[in-house]
């Protein structure tokens, strides 16, 4: 099972991987991740925008 996380800054460089974005997640576990180039990050943003436009994201209220 893959539970991916991603970070994209200014539609530019990005990270896609399995690590939780905490110090323990980034340094204390064996994880897999890749750095996205500007072009890859831009295509990923477009893909996410298409998913959102199709109504595939659900808002979850804070707990």
PDB file of N, CA and C in Angstrom:
ATOM      1  N   UNK A   1       0.850  -1.157   0.000  1.00  0.00           N
ATOM      2  CA  UNK A   1       0.000   0.000   0.000  1.00  0.00           C
ATOM      3  C   UNK A   1       0.904   1.231   0.000  1.00  0.00           C
ATOM      4  N   UNK A   2       0.543   2.210  -0.770  1.00  0.00           N
ATOM      5  CA  UNK A   2       1.294   3.467  -0.840  1.00  0.00           C
ATOM      6  C   UNK A   2       0.398   4.598  -0.375  1.00  0.00           C
ATOM      7  N   UNK A   3       0.882   5.352   0.565  1.00  0.00           N
ATOM      8  CA  UNK A   3       0.168   6.523   1.076  1.00  0.00           C
ATOM      9  C   UNK A   3       1.074   7.722   0.789  1.00  0.00           C
ATOM     10  N   UNK A   4       0.994   8.231  -0.424  1.00  0.00           N
ATOM     11  CA  UNK A   4       1.933   9.263  -0.879  1.00  0.00           C
ATOM     12  C   UNK A   4       1.580  10.636  -0.326  1.00  0.00           C
ATOM     13  N   UNK A   5       2.611  11.427  -0.126  1.00  0.00           N
ATOM     14  CA  UNK A   5       2.481  12.833   0.256  1.00  0.00           C
ATOM     15  C   UNK A   5       3.210  13.649  -0.794  1.00  0.00           C
ATOM     16  N   UNK A   6       2.806  14.898  -0.954  1.00  0.00           N
ATOM     17  CA  UNK A   6       3.489  15.739  -1.934  1.00  0.00           C
ATOM     18  C   UNK A   6       3.531  17.173  -1.453  1.00  0.00           C
ATOM     19  N   UNK A   7       4.558  17.863  -1.904  1.00  0.00           N
ATOM     20  CA  UNK A   7       4.729  19.292  -1.653  1.00  0.00           C
ATOM     21  C   UNK A   7       5.160  19.903  -2.974  1.00  0.00           C
ATOM     22  N   UNK A   8       4.472  20.965  -3.377  1.00  0.00           N
ATOM     23  CA  UNK A   8       4.856  21.696  -4.586  1.00  0.00           C
ATOM     24  C   UNK A   8       4.865  23.173  -4.225  1.00  0.00           C
ATOM     25  N   UNK A   9       5.975  23.847  -4.511  1.00  0.00           N
ATOM     26  CA  UNK A   9       6.119  25.267  -4.186  1.00  0.00           C
ATOM     27  C   UNK A   9       6.009  26.102  -5.448  1.00  0.00           C
ATOM     28  N   UNK A  10       5.051  27.020  -5.461  1.00  0.00           N
ATOM     29  CA  UNK A  10       4.903  27.978  -6.568  1.00  0.00           C
ATOM     30  C   UNK A  10       4.815  27.303  -7.930  1.00  0.00           C
ATOM     31  N   UNK A  11       4.137  26.164  -7.990  1.00  0.00           N
ATOM     32  CA  UNK A  11       3.994  25.400  -9.235  1.00  0.00           C
ATOM     33  C   UNK A  11       5.358  25.067  -9.839  1.00  0.00           C
ATOM     34  N   UNK A  12       6.376  25.011  -8.980  1.00  0.00           N
ATOM     35  CA  UNK A  12       7.735  24.751  -9.448  1.00  0.00           C
ATOM     36  C   UNK A  12       8.243  23.432  -8.911  1.00  0.00           C
ATOM     37  N   UNK A  13       9.373  23.466  -8.239  1.00  0.00           N
ATOM     38  CA  UNK A  13       9.973  22.243  -7.716  1.00  0.00           C
ATOM     39  C   UNK A  13       9.040  21.568  -6.724  1.00  0.00           C
ATOM     40  N   UNK A  14       9.136  20.258  -6.662  1.00  0.00           N
ATOM     41  CA  UNK A  14       8.261  19.533  -5.753  1.00  0.00           C
ATOM     42  C   UNK A  14       8.890  18.256  -5.249  1.00  0.00           C
ATOM     43  N   UNK A  15       8.209  17.650  -4.284  1.00  0.00           N
ATOM     44  CA  UNK A  15       8.604  16.372  -3.689  1.00  0.00           C
ATOM     45  C   UNK A  15       7.374  15.477  -3.666  1.00  0.00           C
ATOM     46  N   UNK A  16       7.552  14.222  -4.014  1.00  0.00           N
ATOM     47  CA  UNK A  16       6.495  13.221  -3.950  1.00  0.00           C
ATOM     48  C   UNK A  16       7.096  11.989  -3.298  1.00  0.00           C
ATOM     49  N   UNK A  17       6.519  11.548  -2.193  1.00  0.00           N
ATOM     50  CA  UNK A  17       7.094  10.398  -1.515  1.00  0.00           C
ATOM     51  C   UNK A  17       6.198   9.843  -0.435  1.00  0.00           C
ATOM     52  N   UNK A  18       6.742   8.908   0.329  1.00  0.00           N
ATOM     53  CA  UNK A  18       5.972   8.216   1.353  1.00  0.00           C
ATOM     54  C   UNK A  18       6.167   8.791   2.749  1.00  0.00           C
ATOM     55  N   UNK A  19       7.171   9.624   2.948  1.00  0.00           N
ATOM     56  CA  UNK A  19       7.495  10.129   4.284  1.00  0.00           C
ATOM     57  C   UNK A  19       6.455  11.127   4.773  1.00  0.00           C
ATOM     58  N   UNK A  20       6.080  11.007   6.060  1.00  0.00           N
ATOM     59  CA  UNK A  20       5.309  12.071   6.690  1.00  0.00           C
ATOM     60  C   UNK A  20       6.221  13.282   6.801  1.00  0.00           C
ATOM     61  N   UNK A  21       5.662  14.456   6.692  1.00  0.00           N
ATOM     62  CA  UNK A  21       6.478  15.673   6.701  1.00  0.00           C
ATOM     63  C   UNK A  21       6.742  16.131   8.135  1.00  0.00           C
ATOM     64  N   UNK A  22       7.369  15.244   8.897  1.00  0.00           N
ATOM     65  CA  UNK A  22       7.809  15.514  10.262  1.00  0.00           C
ATOM     66  C   UNK A  22       9.281  15.130  10.350  1.00  0.00           C
ATOM     67  N   UNK A  23       9.951  15.557  11.407  1.00  0.00           N
ATOM     68  CA  UNK A  23      11.368  15.199  11.535  1.00  0.00           C
ATOM     69  C   UNK A  23      11.525  13.681  11.641  1.00  0.00           C
ATOM     70  N   UNK A  24      10.652  13.012  12.388  1.00  0.00           N
ATOM     71  CA  UNK A  24      10.733  11.562  12.513  1.00  0.00           C
ATOM     72  C   UNK A  24      10.447  10.894  11.172  1.00  0.00           C
ATOM     73  N   UNK A  25       9.442  11.370  10.457  1.00  0.00           N
ATOM     74  CA  UNK A  25       9.098  10.789   9.166  1.00  0.00           C
ATOM     75  C   UNK A  25      10.182  10.981   8.125  1.00  0.00           C
ATOM     76  N   UNK A  26      10.854  12.126   8.165  1.00  0.00           N
ATOM     77  CA  UNK A  26      11.877  12.421   7.166  1.00  0.00           C
ATOM     78  C   UNK A  26      13.245  11.857   7.526  1.00  0.00           C
ATOM     79  N   UNK A  27      13.488  11.601   8.836  1.00  0.00           N
ATOM     80  CA  UNK A  27      14.820  11.155   9.234  1.00  0.00           C
ATOM     81  C   UNK A  27      14.839   9.825   9.981  1.00  0.00           C
ATOM     82  N   UNK A  28      13.711   9.383  10.519  1.00  0.00           N
ATOM     83  CA  UNK A  28      13.719   8.210  11.376  1.00  0.00           C
ATOM     84  C   UNK A  28      13.223   6.927  10.748  1.00  0.00           C
ATOM     85  N   UNK A  29      12.690   6.992   9.550  1.00  0.00           N
ATOM     86  CA  UNK A  29      12.138   5.811   8.890  1.00  0.00           C
ATOM     87  C   UNK A  29      12.814   5.617   7.538  1.00  0.00           C
ATOM     88  N   UNK A  30      12.682   4.429   7.013  1.00  0.00           N
ATOM     89  CA  UNK A  30      13.106   4.179   5.634  1.00  0.00           C
ATOM     90  C   UNK A  30      11.914   4.511   4.749  1.00  0.00           C
ATOM     91  N   UNK A  31      12.068   5.461   3.876  1.00  0.00           N
ATOM     92  CA  UNK A  31      10.980   5.944   3.029  1.00  0.00           C
ATOM     93  C   UNK A  31      11.455   6.030   1.587  1.00  0.00           C
ATOM     94  N   UNK A  32      10.523   6.222   0.679  1.00  0.00           N
ATOM     95  CA  UNK A  32      10.839   6.404  -0.736  1.00  0.00           C
ATOM     96  C   UNK A  32      10.309   7.763  -1.169  1.00  0.00           C
ATOM     97  N   UNK A  33      11.089   8.469  -1.979  1.00  0.00           N
ATOM     98  CA  UNK A  33      10.638   9.770  -2.456  1.00  0.00           C
ATOM     99  C   UNK A  33      11.428  10.212  -3.663  1.00  0.00           C
ATOM    100  N   UNK A  34      10.835  11.114  -4.419  1.00  0.00           N
ATOM    101  CA  UNK A  34      11.499  11.668  -5.593  1.00  0.00           C
ATOM    102  C   UNK A  34      11.315  13.177  -5.609  1.00  0.00           C
ATOM    103  N   UNK A  35      12.316  13.863  -6.126  1.00  0.00           N
ATOM    104  CA  UNK A  35      12.224  15.305  -6.344  1.00  0.00           C
ATOM    105  C   UNK A  35      11.625  15.521  -7.728  1.00  0.00           C
ATOM    106  N   UNK A  36      10.620  16.376  -7.807  1.00  0.00           N
ATOM    107  CA  UNK A  36       9.989  16.678  -9.088  1.00  0.00           C
ATOM    108  C   UNK A  36      10.666  17.875  -9.729  1.00  0.00           C
ATOM    109  N   UNK A  37      10.880  17.794 -11.032  1.00  0.00           N
ATOM    110  CA  UNK A  37      11.388  18.952 -11.768  1.00  0.00           C
ATOM    111  C   UNK A  37      10.258  19.967 -11.911  1.00  0.00           C
ATOM    112  N   UNK A  38      10.587  21.141 -12.401  1.00  0.00           N
ATOM    113  CA  UNK A  38       9.569  22.175 -12.604  1.00  0.00           C
ATOM    114  C   UNK A  38       8.474  21.653 -13.533  1.00  0.00           C
ATOM    115  N   UNK A  39       8.851  21.016 -14.638  1.00  0.00           N
ATOM    116  CA  UNK A  39       7.863  20.493 -15.584  1.00  0.00           C
ATOM    117  C   UNK A  39       6.983  19.412 -14.981  1.00  0.00           C
ATOM    118  N   UNK A  40       7.578  18.509 -14.216  1.00  0.00           N
ATOM    119  CA  UNK A  40       6.810  17.447 -13.569  1.00  0.00           C
ATOM    120  C   UNK A  40       5.851  18.028 -12.538  1.00  0.00           C
ATOM    121  N   UNK A  41       6.336  18.999 -11.760  1.00  0.00           N
ATOM    122  CA  UNK A  41       5.489  19.631 -10.751  1.00  0.00           C
ATOM    123  C   UNK A  41       4.310  20.337 -11.407  1.00  0.00           C
ATOM    124  N   UNK A  42       4.552  21.038 -12.502  1.00  0.00           N
ATOM    125  CA  UNK A  42       3.474  21.742 -13.208  1.00  0.00           C
ATOM    126  C   UNK A  42       2.432  20.744 -13.721  1.00  0.00           C
ATOM    127  N   UNK A  43       2.868  19.635 -14.297  1.00  0.00           N
ATOM    128  CA  UNK A  43       1.922  18.628 -14.789  1.00  0.00           C
ATOM    129  C   UNK A  43       1.133  18.002 -13.638  1.00  0.00           C
ATOM    130  N   UNK A  44       1.778  17.832 -12.495  1.00  0.00           N
ATOM    131  CA  UNK A  44       1.098  17.278 -11.324  1.00  0.00           C
ATOM    132  C   UNK A  44       0.021  18.241 -10.836  1.00  0.00           C
ATOM    133  N   UNK A  45       0.328  19.540 -10.818  1.00  0.00           N
ATOM    134  CA  UNK A  45      -0.660  20.548 -10.423  1.00  0.00           C
ATOM    135  C   UNK A  45      -1.848  20.522 -11.381  1.00  0.00           C
ATOM    136  N   UNK A  46      -1.591  20.454 -12.673  1.00  0.00           N
ATOM    137  CA  UNK A  46      -2.674  20.392 -13.668  1.00  0.00           C
ATOM    138  C   UNK A  46      -3.538  19.151 -13.418  1.00  0.00           C
ATOM    139  N   UNK A  47      -2.904  18.014 -13.153  1.00  0.00           N
ATOM    140  CA  UNK A  47      -3.634  16.780 -12.862  1.00  0.00           C
ATOM    141  C   UNK A  47      -4.532  16.958 -11.637  1.00  0.00           C
ATOM    142  N   UNK A  48      -3.995  17.551 -10.565  1.00  0.00           N
ATOM    143  CA  UNK A  48      -4.796  17.775  -9.358  1.00  0.00           C
ATOM    144  C   UNK A  48      -5.952  18.729  -9.629  1.00  0.00           C
ATOM    145  N   UNK A  49      -5.723  19.757 -10.434  1.00  0.00           N
ATOM    146  CA  UNK A  49      -6.792  20.689 -10.790  1.00  0.00           C
ATOM    147  C   UNK A  49      -7.893  19.975 -11.579  1.00  0.00           C
ATOM    148  N   UNK A  50      -7.521  19.033 -12.435  1.00  0.00           N
ATOM    149  CA  UNK A  50      -8.516  18.255 -13.187  1.00  0.00           C
ATOM    150  C   UNK A  50      -9.337  17.369 -12.250  1.00  0.00           C
ATOM    151  N   UNK A  51      -8.684  16.759 -11.276  1.00  0.00           N
ATOM    152  CA  UNK A  51      -9.410  15.950 -10.294  1.00  0.00           C
ATOM    153  C   UNK A  51     -10.387  16.810  -9.499  1.00  0.00           C
ATOM    154  N   UNK A  52      -9.938  17.999  -9.102  1.00  0.00           N
ATOM    155  CA  UNK A  52     -10.805  18.909  -8.351  1.00  0.00           C
ATOM    156  C   UNK A  52     -11.998  19.345  -9.199  1.00  0.00           C
ATOM    157  N   UNK A  53     -11.759  19.696 -10.463  1.00  0.00           N
ATOM    158  CA  UNK A  53     -12.834  20.125 -11.360  1.00  0.00           C
ATOM    159  C   UNK A  53     -13.849  19.004 -11.587  1.00  0.00           C
ATOM    160  N   UNK A  54     -13.404  17.754 -11.529  1.00  0.00           N
ATOM    161  CA  UNK A  54     -14.297  16.613 -11.711  1.00  0.00           C
ATOM    162  C   UNK A  54     -15.064  16.275 -10.432  1.00  0.00           C
ATOM    163  N   UNK A  55     -14.813  17.029  -9.349  1.00  0.00           N
ATOM    164  CA  UNK A  55     -15.521  16.801  -8.094  1.00  0.00           C
ATOM    165  C   UNK A  55     -15.037  15.594  -7.316  1.00  0.00           C
ATOM    166  N   UNK A  56     -13.783  15.214  -7.514  1.00  0.00           N
ATOM    167  CA  UNK A  56     -13.260  14.019  -6.860  1.00  0.00           C
ATOM    168  C   UNK A  56     -12.606  14.280  -5.509  1.00  0.00           C
ATOM    169  N   UNK A  57     -12.556  15.532  -5.075  1.00  0.00           N
ATOM    170  CA  UNK A  57     -12.040  15.853  -3.748  1.00  0.00           C
ATOM    171  C   UNK A  57     -13.219  16.114  -2.815  1.00  0.00           C
ATOM    172  N   UNK A  58     -13.079  15.707  -1.582  1.00  0.00           N
ATOM    173  CA  UNK A  58     -14.129  15.892  -0.589  1.00  0.00           C
ATOM    174  C   UNK A  58     -13.568  16.736   0.542  1.00  0.00           C
ATOM    175  N   UNK A  59     -14.308  17.766   0.941  1.00  0.00           N
ATOM    176  CA  UNK A  59     -13.909  18.591   2.078  1.00  0.00           C
ATOM    177  C   UNK A  59     -14.186  17.835   3.371  1.00  0.00           C
ATOM    178  N   UNK A  60     -13.218  17.837   4.249  1.00  0.00           N
ATOM    179  CA  UNK A  60     -13.377  17.192   5.546  1.00  0.00           C
ATOM    180  C   UNK A  60     -13.257  18.271   6.609  1.00  0.00           C
ATOM    181  N   UNK A  61     -14.283  18.423   7.455  1.00  0.00           N
ATOM    182  CA  UNK A  61     -14.212  19.468   8.483  1.00  0.00           C
ATOM    183  C   UNK A  61     -13.142  19.138   9.520  1.00  0.00           C
ATOM    184  N   UNK A  62     -12.550  20.174  10.109  1.00  0.00           N
ATOM    185  CA  UNK A  62     -11.540  19.927  11.152  1.00  0.00           C
ATOM    186  C   UNK A  62     -12.174  19.241  12.362  1.00  0.00           C
ATOM    187  N   UNK A  63     -11.354  18.500  13.057  1.00  0.00           N
ATOM    188  CA  UNK A  63     -11.848  17.814  14.259  1.00  0.00           C
ATOM    189  C   UNK A  63     -11.400  18.516  15.502  1.00  0.00           C
TER     190      UNK A  63
END
